[in-house]
Amino acid sequence: MSRTGSVGWTSKTVTALLVVASLVVGMVVGVAAAPAIFPPVTQYQTITQTRTTQLITTATATELRVTTSLVTVTQRVEVVEPPVKYAKLFSIERRDGFTVLRDGANRTVLLVPKGRAAPDIRADLVVTVPVERVVLMSATHVALIERLREYAPDLLTRVKGITWGNSYQWFFPEIDRALKDGRIADVGVAFSPNYEAIVALRPDLIMIYTYPGDPIPSKLAELKLPYVVNSEYLEDTLLGRFEWIKFVGAFFGLDEEARAVFRFVEASYQLTAERVAGAIDAKTVTPKKIVWFSVFRGTVYVAAGGSYVAKAIGDLKGVYAFSDIRGTGSGTVTLEELVRRAADADVIMLSTDLVTSLDALLAEVPGLAGSKAVREGRVFRYNSNIFQLGYYDTEGWFRDLAAVLYPEVFRDHQLSYFVRFR
């Protein structure tokens, strides 16, 4: 069975039956795991390997004669699970009860458990954990908090402020209620937050994202407000983006819980990829070509060939029309180039929720009318919930994409994050 990456299972039981008879050796190995249940585990996993061997030997002066006996040997092996497997822009290191993080700005952040003195470790920031009063500056940060609430339902009581709080349509009902009744404060827009409101909240930690020329880090430093940089949106794989849940969980004392959630998402992702690979190997479907873009004022923006979008398509054996565009973010092409590459595409994906009909799309790009995807009715756009729930439910986002490309394989799947133009 092929895999897109190694799965960090919660536990594995490997049973091997080795039969030795007349110089003929046969071995059968079975792996049992439950991908839907991932209880928290430590960084080290114990694998129990049971080997049952039938021995047929002859007697010597130093040898035990066994004719038809079964001998069972149990071997326990410790396997190290890497702290970070896919994300490239943060790291976690644990040292004698303390945690050392590298954040998205390459700063060293030392996490010290309450009641313990900080060790002599050089760090840009020291944070006492678990934190109790947090300000978040992105809806994607909120999404990871919401996913951690599967294990810690009261976690939201530690979130005291959110940028854009009253500007978004929230797809997390409890966030919406907390903002409306004042349990969480709206601290302004992310690029120019209300610093007075943030100071008044007395945060233990502010989680931000940055961009070139961003003035916020220096302003927070001037106000002596503790902040860390979460750069999940710059990662170039879906699993790398979601793995930042480990970074977030560390500040709340939820390391085990974050790893458990991540392992479930990772396993679900790989099962979806394997299902597609199996169908292609069986020749029940063929790889599909897809174009992925948005248009703004005549400029076409496409996901670059090294982006998480392009890599997700690749993990589903799809053919991405702009795989040659360099970069891990987005790039631009002309309208003429878009039309040319879309001509034989099986699927068109419009990466916005602002264009809500096929007529509106064709009014902006008339040349797409003759494309294969338009003729066959396989044109899609983003659903409005994708920017929050699509990240929260990364495995669901990936399964949605698989169903868009291969509806024959996912016949009963209902799309959540992509909408088909009718």
Protein backbone atom coordinates (compact mmCIF):
# COMPACT_ATOMS: atom_id res chain seq x y z
CA MET A 1 0.00 0.00 0.00
CA SER A 2 1.48 3.36 -0.97
CA ARG A 3 1.68 6.24 1.46
CA THR A 4 2.19 9.98 1.06
CA GLY A 5 4.21 10.08 4.29
CA SER A 6 4.88 8.06 7.43
CA VAL A 7 1.94 7.86 9.84
CA GLY A 8 2.66 8.49 13.55
CA TRP A 9 0.14 5.94 14.89
CA THR A 10 -0.88 6.01 18.51
CA SER A 11 0.00 2.31 18.94
CA LYS A 12 0.85 -0.64 16.69
CA THR A 13 0.68 -4.34 17.34
CA VAL A 14 2.80 -6.32 14.90
CA THR A 15 2.27 -10.11 14.95
CA ALA A 16 4.71 -12.25 12.94
CA LEU A 17 4.37 -16.00 12.41
CA LEU A 18 7.70 -17.58 11.49
CA VAL A 19 7.56 -21.27 10.53
CA VAL A 20 10.87 -23.06 10.00
CA ALA A 21 10.62 -26.44 8.36
CA SER A 22 13.08 -28.19 6.08
CA LEU A 23 14.93 -24.94 5.14
CA VAL A 24 11.66 -23.19 4.08
CA VAL A 25 10.92 -19.90 5.85
CA GLY A 26 7.59 -18.06 5.65
CA MET A 27 6.64 -14.88 7.48
CA VAL A 28 3.31 -13.05 7.64
CA VAL A 29 3.09 -9.62 9.25
CA GLY A 30 -0.17 -7.86 10.15
CA VAL A 31 -0.52 -4.29 11.39
CA ALA A 32 -3.58 -3.31 13.39
CA ALA A 33 -4.49 0.29 14.03
CA ALA A 34 -7.66 2.34 14.51
CA PRO A 35 -7.33 5.55 12.48
CA ALA A 36 -10.45 7.08 14.02
CA ILE A 37 -9.26 6.96 17.64
CA PHE A 38 -6.04 8.65 18.75
CA PRO A 39 -5.73 9.06 22.53
CA PRO A 40 -2.89 11.29 23.74
CA VAL A 41 0.49 9.58 23.94
CA THR A 42 3.99 10.67 24.80
CA GLN A 43 6.64 11.40 22.24
CA TYR A 44 7.87 7.81 22.56
CA GLN A 45 5.68 4.95 21.38
CA THR A 46 6.02 1.36 22.49
CA ILE A 47 5.53 -1.28 19.84
CA THR A 48 4.84 -4.80 21.07
CA GLN A 49 6.06 -7.42 18.61
CA THR A 50 4.96 -11.01 19.19
CA ARG A 51 6.66 -13.77 17.27
CA THR A 52 5.42 -17.35 17.46
CA THR A 53 7.91 -19.88 16.10
CA GLN A 54 7.58 -23.61 15.58
CA LEU A 55 11.00 -25.22 16.07
CA ILE A 56 12.01 -28.59 14.65
CA THR A 57 15.57 -29.36 15.72
CA THR A 58 17.89 -32.23 16.55
CA ALA A 59 19.49 -32.79 19.91
CA THR A 60 23.12 -31.97 20.66
CA ALA A 61 25.07 -31.69 23.89
CA THR A 62 24.26 -27.96 24.22
CA GLU A 63 20.94 -27.75 22.46
CA LEU A 64 17.40 -28.14 23.73
CA ARG A 65 15.45 -30.65 21.65
CA VAL A 66 12.05 -29.27 20.62
CA THR A 67 9.92 -31.23 18.21
CA THR A 68 6.50 -29.59 17.93
CA SER A 69 6.56 -26.90 20.63
CA LEU A 70 5.56 -23.28 20.06
CA VAL A 71 7.84 -20.62 21.53
CA THR A 72 6.51 -17.05 21.93
CA VAL A 73 8.95 -14.17 22.22
CA THR A 74 7.71 -10.66 23.03
CA GLN A 75 9.95 -7.74 22.13
CA ARG A 76 9.30 -4.15 23.17
CA VAL A 77 10.78 -1.46 20.97
CA GLU A 78 10.69 2.29 21.55
CA VAL A 79 10.20 4.40 18.44
CA VAL A 80 10.82 8.14 18.54
CA GLU A 81 8.10 10.27 16.99
CA PRO A 82 9.65 13.44 15.52
CA PRO A 83 8.36 16.56 17.31
CA VAL A 84 7.73 18.21 13.92
CA LYS A 85 7.28 16.12 10.77
CA TYR A 86 6.01 18.40 7.99
CA ALA A 87 6.13 22.04 9.07
CA LYS A 88 9.31 23.90 8.13
CA LEU A 89 8.83 27.21 9.90
CA PHE A 90 8.77 26.23 13.57
CA SER A 91 10.48 23.71 15.81
CA ILE A 92 9.95 22.18 19.25
CA GLU A 93 12.61 20.88 21.59
CA ARG A 94 11.96 19.53 25.07
CA ARG A 95 14.64 19.75 27.72
CA ASP A 96 14.14 18.34 31.21
CA GLY A 97 10.58 19.57 31.69
CA PHE A 98 11.02 22.78 29.69
CA THR A 99 10.15 23.48 26.07
CA VAL A 100 12.19 25.51 23.60
CA LEU A 101 10.33 26.70 20.50
CA ARG A 102 11.48 28.44 17.34
CA ASP A 103 8.63 30.65 16.14
CA GLY A 104 7.80 31.96 12.67
CA ALA A 105 10.25 34.86 13.07
CA ASN A 106 13.05 32.45 14.00
CA ARG A 107 12.97 33.66 17.61
CA THR A 108 13.79 31.34 20.50
CA VAL A 109 10.87 31.04 22.91
CA LEU A 110 11.38 29.29 26.25
CA LEU A 111 8.28 27.79 27.90
CA VAL A 112 8.57 27.41 31.67
CA PRO A 113 5.94 25.49 33.68
CA LYS A 114 4.31 27.48 36.45
CA GLY A 115 6.12 27.13 39.75
CA ARG A 116 9.49 26.38 38.20
CA ALA A 117 12.46 28.70 37.82
CA ALA A 118 13.62 29.40 34.29
CA PRO A 119 16.78 27.48 33.33
CA ASP A 120 19.88 29.19 32.04
CA ILE A 121 18.88 29.06 28.37
CA ARG A 122 19.32 32.02 26.06
CA ALA A 123 15.91 32.98 24.66
CA ASP A 124 14.22 35.92 22.96
CA LEU A 125 11.11 35.39 25.05
CA VAL A 126 10.26 33.47 28.21
CA VAL A 127 6.63 32.43 28.68
CA THR A 128 5.15 30.84 31.78
CA VAL A 129 2.81 28.03 30.77
CA PRO A 130 0.03 27.22 30.59
CA VAL A 131 -0.96 30.72 29.52
CA GLU A 132 -4.25 32.09 30.85
CA ARG A 133 -4.89 35.30 28.88
CA VAL A 134 -4.31 35.19 25.11
CA VAL A 135 -4.97 37.54 22.19
CA LEU A 136 -5.21 36.03 18.68
CA MET A 137 -4.72 37.95 15.45
CA SER A 138 -5.98 35.48 12.85
CA ALA A 139 -9.05 33.35 12.27
CA THR A 140 -6.70 30.45 11.55
CA HIS A 141 -5.28 30.77 15.08
CA VAL A 142 -8.87 30.56 16.33
CA ALA A 143 -9.38 27.45 14.20
CA LEU A 144 -6.55 25.62 15.95
CA ILE A 145 -7.90 26.65 19.36
CA GLU A 146 -11.27 25.25 18.32
CA ARG A 147 -9.70 21.95 17.28
CA LEU A 148 -7.88 21.67 20.62
CA ARG A 149 -11.23 22.14 22.35
CA GLU A 150 -12.03 18.56 21.36
CA TYR A 151 -9.82 17.67 24.33
CA ALA A 152 -10.07 20.89 26.38
CA PRO A 153 -13.63 22.28 26.06
CA ASP A 154 -12.94 25.20 28.42
CA LEU A 155 -9.92 26.41 26.43
CA LEU A 156 -11.88 29.31 24.97
CA THR A 157 -12.07 30.97 28.40
CA ARG A 158 -8.37 31.78 28.03
CA VAL A 159 -8.91 33.70 24.77
CA LYS A 160 -9.47 37.34 25.75
CA GLY A 161 -9.19 39.16 22.43
CA ILE A 162 -9.36 38.59 18.67
CA THR A 163 -8.61 40.95 15.80
CA TRP A 164 -11.36 41.35 13.21
CA GLY A 165 -13.71 39.97 15.88
CA ASN A 166 -16.84 41.80 14.76
CA SER A 167 -15.83 41.98 11.10
CA TYR A 168 -15.95 38.29 10.25
CA GLN A 169 -18.87 35.99 9.73
CA TRP A 170 -17.90 33.39 12.30
CA PHE A 171 -18.48 29.73 11.55
CA PHE A 172 -17.53 28.80 15.12
CA PRO A 173 -20.75 29.41 17.08
CA GLU A 174 -19.12 29.69 20.50
CA ILE A 175 -16.67 32.31 19.22
CA ASP A 176 -19.57 34.28 17.80
CA ARG A 177 -21.46 34.13 21.10
CA ALA A 178 -18.39 35.06 23.16
CA LEU A 179 -17.75 38.13 21.01
CA LYS A 180 -21.37 39.24 21.19
CA ASP A 181 -21.65 38.92 24.97
CA GLY A 182 -18.26 40.46 25.65
CA ARG A 183 -16.36 37.44 26.92
CA ILE A 184 -13.93 37.99 24.04
CA ALA A 185 -12.98 41.52 22.97
CA ASP A 186 -12.63 42.72 19.40
CA VAL A 187 -9.19 44.40 19.35
CA GLY A 188 -9.45 45.99 15.91
CA VAL A 189 -8.00 45.05 12.55
CA ALA A 190 -4.91 42.87 12.36
CA PHE A 191 -2.76 45.34 10.40
CA SER A 192 -3.52 48.18 12.84
CA PRO A 193 -4.89 46.78 16.11
CA ASN A 194 -6.21 48.75 19.06
CA TYR A 195 -3.12 48.65 21.25
CA GLU A 196 -4.86 50.32 24.19
CA ALA A 197 -7.51 47.60 24.17
CA ILE A 198 -4.84 44.92 24.00
CA VAL A 199 -2.88 46.40 26.93
CA ALA A 200 -6.10 46.57 28.96
CA LEU A 201 -6.57 42.82 28.50
CA ARG A 202 -3.25 42.13 30.26
CA PRO A 203 -2.34 39.27 27.91
CA ASP A 204 0.16 36.56 28.83
CA LEU A 205 0.64 36.03 25.11
CA ILE A 206 -0.28 37.57 21.77
CA MET A 207 -0.19 35.33 18.71
CA ILE A 208 0.43 37.23 15.48
CA TYR A 209 1.34 36.63 11.85
CA THR A 210 3.73 38.89 9.98
CA TYR A 211 4.57 40.09 6.49
CA PRO A 212 7.43 42.18 5.02
CA GLY A 213 7.39 45.66 6.51
CA ASP A 214 4.92 44.72 9.24
CA PRO A 215 5.17 47.33 12.05
CA ILE A 216 3.31 45.27 14.65
CA PRO A 217 6.24 43.28 16.13
CA SER A 218 8.25 46.40 16.93
CA LYS A 219 5.18 48.12 18.41
CA LEU A 220 4.41 45.15 20.64
CA ALA A 221 8.05 45.03 21.73
CA GLU A 222 7.91 48.75 22.54
CA LEU A 223 4.85 48.14 24.72
CA LYS A 224 6.61 45.16 26.34
CA LEU A 225 3.79 42.87 25.28
CA PRO A 226 4.79 39.20 24.86
CA TYR A 227 4.13 37.92 21.35
CA VAL A 228 4.95 34.92 19.16
CA VAL A 229 4.76 34.63 15.38
CA ASN A 230 2.56 31.92 13.90
CA SER A 231 3.46 31.47 10.22
CA GLU A 232 1.24 28.52 9.34
CA TYR A 233 -0.07 30.29 6.26
CA LEU A 234 3.42 30.24 4.73
CA GLU A 235 3.86 26.47 4.93
CA ASP A 236 3.87 24.64 1.60
CA THR A 237 1.91 21.49 2.55
CA LEU A 238 -1.51 20.97 4.08
CA LEU A 239 -0.12 18.82 6.87
CA GLY A 240 2.66 21.32 7.48
CA ARG A 241 0.07 24.08 7.88
CA PHE A 242 -2.04 22.06 10.28
CA GLU A 243 0.98 20.85 12.27
CA TRP A 244 1.14 24.31 13.84
CA ILE A 245 -1.47 22.94 16.23
CA LYS A 246 1.54 21.53 18.11
CA PHE A 247 2.99 25.04 18.37
CA VAL A 248 -0.29 26.45 19.69
CA GLY A 249 -0.92 23.53 22.04
CA ALA A 250 2.46 23.96 23.73
CA PHE A 251 1.44 27.32 25.23
CA PHE A 252 -1.66 25.80 26.84
CA GLY A 253 -0.03 22.67 28.24
CA LEU A 254 -1.79 20.60 25.59
CA ASP A 255 1.19 18.98 23.89
CA GLU A 256 -0.19 15.44 24.04
CA GLU A 257 -3.61 16.55 22.89
CA ALA A 258 -2.18 18.49 19.96
CA ARG A 259 -0.16 15.48 18.86
CA ALA A 260 -3.23 13.25 19.12
CA VAL A 261 -5.31 15.56 16.93
CA PHE A 262 -2.49 15.86 14.42
CA ARG A 263 -2.03 12.11 14.15
CA PHE A 264 -5.72 11.70 13.39
CA VAL A 265 -5.59 14.39 10.68
CA GLU A 266 -2.43 12.89 9.21
CA ALA A 267 -3.89 9.38 9.09
CA SER A 268 -7.15 10.63 7.55
CA TYR A 269 -5.22 12.55 4.91
CA GLN A 270 -3.18 9.52 3.99
CA LEU A 271 -6.20 7.22 3.85
CA THR A 272 -7.84 9.59 1.36
CA ALA A 273 -4.68 9.68 -0.76
CA GLU A 274 -4.41 5.90 -0.66
CA ARG A 275 -8.03 5.48 -1.69
CA VAL A 276 -7.39 7.59 -4.78
CA ALA A 277 -4.11 5.82 -5.55
CA GLY A 278 -5.86 2.46 -5.29
CA ALA A 279 -8.57 3.53 -7.72
CA ILE A 280 -5.99 4.79 -10.19
CA ASP A 281 -3.93 1.61 -9.87
CA ALA A 282 -7.10 -0.38 -10.50
CA LYS A 283 -7.77 1.81 -13.55
CA THR A 284 -11.26 2.71 -12.35
CA VAL A 285 -10.31 6.40 -12.68
CA THR A 286 -7.54 8.34 -14.38
CA PRO A 287 -5.58 11.35 -13.03
CA LYS A 288 -7.49 14.60 -13.53
CA LYS A 289 -6.18 17.97 -14.65
CA ILE A 290 -7.24 21.04 -12.68
CA VAL A 291 -6.75 24.81 -12.92
CA TRP A 292 -6.88 26.81 -9.67
CA PHE A 293 -7.13 30.60 -9.84
CA SER A 294 -8.92 33.83 -9.04
CA VAL A 295 -9.29 37.00 -11.11
CA PHE A 296 -9.12 40.52 -9.75
CA ARG A 297 -9.32 43.56 -12.01
CA GLY A 298 -8.09 41.60 -14.99
CA THR A 299 -5.14 39.97 -13.20
CA VAL A 300 -5.18 36.19 -12.82
CA TYR A 301 -3.74 34.86 -9.57
CA VAL A 302 -2.84 31.17 -9.48
CA ALA A 303 -1.48 28.87 -6.79
CA ALA A 304 2.24 28.42 -7.50
CA GLY A 305 3.72 25.03 -8.32
CA GLY A 306 5.33 24.69 -4.90
CA SER A 307 2.26 25.73 -2.92
CA TYR A 308 0.25 23.59 -0.52
CA VAL A 309 -2.55 23.59 -3.09
CA ALA A 310 -0.31 22.20 -5.83
CA LYS A 311 1.14 19.59 -3.47
CA ALA A 312 -2.30 18.50 -2.28
CA ILE A 313 -3.32 18.03 -5.92
CA GLY A 314 -0.16 16.00 -6.44
CA ASP A 315 -0.90 13.81 -3.42
CA LEU A 316 -4.19 13.00 -5.14
CA LYS A 317 -2.37 12.12 -8.38
CA GLY A 318 -3.89 15.14 -10.06
CA VAL A 319 -2.29 17.17 -12.83
CA TYR A 320 -1.98 20.83 -11.86
CA ALA A 321 -2.12 23.18 -14.83
CA PHE A 322 0.30 25.70 -13.27
CA SER A 323 2.82 23.33 -11.73
CA ASP A 324 5.62 25.16 -13.56
CA ILE A 325 4.93 28.47 -11.79
CA ARG A 326 7.75 28.89 -9.29
CA GLY A 327 7.11 29.68 -5.67
CA THR A 328 5.23 28.39 -2.65
CA GLY A 329 2.54 31.07 -2.61
CA SER A 330 0.77 32.54 -5.60
CA GLY A 331 1.80 33.77 -9.02
CA THR A 332 0.17 35.62 -11.90
CA VAL A 333 -0.57 34.72 -15.50
CA THR A 334 -2.38 36.49 -18.32
CA LEU A 335 -6.01 35.87 -19.15
CA GLU A 336 -4.87 34.35 -22.44
CA GLU A 337 -2.56 31.91 -20.66
CA LEU A 338 -5.34 30.92 -18.26
CA VAL A 339 -7.71 30.18 -21.15
CA ARG A 340 -5.05 28.19 -23.00
CA ARG A 341 -4.18 25.99 -20.03
CA ALA A 342 -7.80 25.54 -18.99
CA ALA A 343 -8.91 24.34 -22.43
CA ASP A 344 -8.45 20.63 -21.67
CA ALA A 345 -8.73 20.79 -17.86
CA ASP A 346 -11.17 18.37 -16.23
CA VAL A 347 -11.85 20.74 -13.33
CA ILE A 348 -11.83 24.51 -12.85
CA MET A 349 -11.50 25.75 -9.25
CA LEU A 350 -12.16 29.42 -8.56
CA SER A 351 -10.31 30.29 -5.34
CA THR A 352 -12.78 32.88 -4.10
CA ASP A 353 -16.31 33.05 -2.77
CA LEU A 354 -16.99 36.43 -4.35
CA VAL A 355 -17.98 35.06 -7.76
CA THR A 356 -21.17 33.13 -7.19
CA SER A 357 -22.30 32.02 -10.64
CA LEU A 358 -20.85 30.55 -13.81
CA ASP A 359 -22.31 33.44 -15.80
CA ALA A 360 -20.39 35.91 -13.63
CA LEU A 361 -17.15 33.97 -14.17
CA LEU A 362 -17.65 33.80 -17.94
CA ALA A 363 -18.47 37.49 -18.05
CA GLU A 364 -15.01 38.12 -16.61
CA VAL A 365 -13.18 35.43 -18.60
CA PRO A 366 -15.27 34.71 -21.73
CA GLY A 367 -12.61 32.47 -23.21
CA LEU A 368 -13.32 29.79 -20.60
CA ALA A 369 -16.70 29.07 -22.20
CA GLY A 370 -15.15 26.53 -24.56
CA SER A 371 -13.12 24.69 -21.95
CA LYS A 372 -13.71 21.03 -21.18
CA ALA A 373 -14.59 21.70 -17.52
CA VAL A 374 -17.30 24.21 -18.47
CA ARG A 375 -18.75 21.89 -21.11
CA GLU A 376 -18.89 19.01 -18.61
CA GLY A 377 -20.19 21.12 -15.73
CA ARG A 378 -17.17 20.70 -13.46
CA VAL A 379 -16.55 24.28 -12.37
CA PHE A 380 -16.26 25.00 -8.64
CA ARG A 381 -15.62 27.91 -6.28
CA TYR A 382 -14.74 28.34 -2.62
CA ASN A 383 -17.51 28.13 -0.07
CA SER A 384 -17.44 31.02 2.42
CA ASN A 385 -16.66 28.70 5.33
CA ILE A 386 -13.39 27.47 3.84
CA PHE A 387 -11.22 30.19 5.37
CA GLN A 388 -12.11 29.07 8.91
CA LEU A 389 -13.55 25.57 8.82
CA GLY A 390 -11.41 24.41 5.92
CA TYR A 391 -8.31 24.90 8.06
CA TYR A 392 -9.95 23.58 11.21
CA ASP A 393 -10.99 20.47 9.23
CA THR A 394 -7.87 20.01 7.11
CA GLU A 395 -8.62 16.35 6.49
CA GLY A 396 -12.13 17.30 5.33
CA TRP A 397 -10.73 19.95 2.97
CA PHE A 398 -8.48 17.31 1.41
CA ARG A 399 -11.33 14.81 1.13
CA ASP A 400 -13.46 17.51 -0.54
CA LEU A 401 -10.73 18.07 -3.11
CA ALA A 402 -10.49 14.33 -3.71
CA ALA A 403 -14.25 14.21 -4.31
CA VAL A 404 -14.04 17.15 -6.73
CA LEU A 405 -11.37 15.38 -8.77
CA TYR A 406 -12.74 11.84 -8.50
CA PRO A 407 -16.48 11.89 -7.80
CA GLU A 408 -16.72 8.24 -8.91
CA VAL A 409 -14.55 7.21 -5.97
CA PHE A 410 -16.37 9.37 -3.41
CA ARG A 411 -19.95 8.93 -4.57
CA ASP A 412 -21.58 9.51 -1.17
CA HIS A 413 -19.42 12.48 -0.19
CA GLN A 414 -21.16 15.83 0.32
CA LEU A 415 -18.95 18.83 -0.41
CA SER A 416 -18.43 21.29 2.46
CA TYR A 417 -15.73 23.71 1.32
CA PHE A 418 -16.19 23.82 -2.45
CA VAL A 419 -19.38 24.73 -4.31
CA ARG A 420 -20.20 23.45 -7.78
CA PHE A 421 -21.60 25.93 -10.27
CA ARG A 422 -24.92 24.74 -11.63
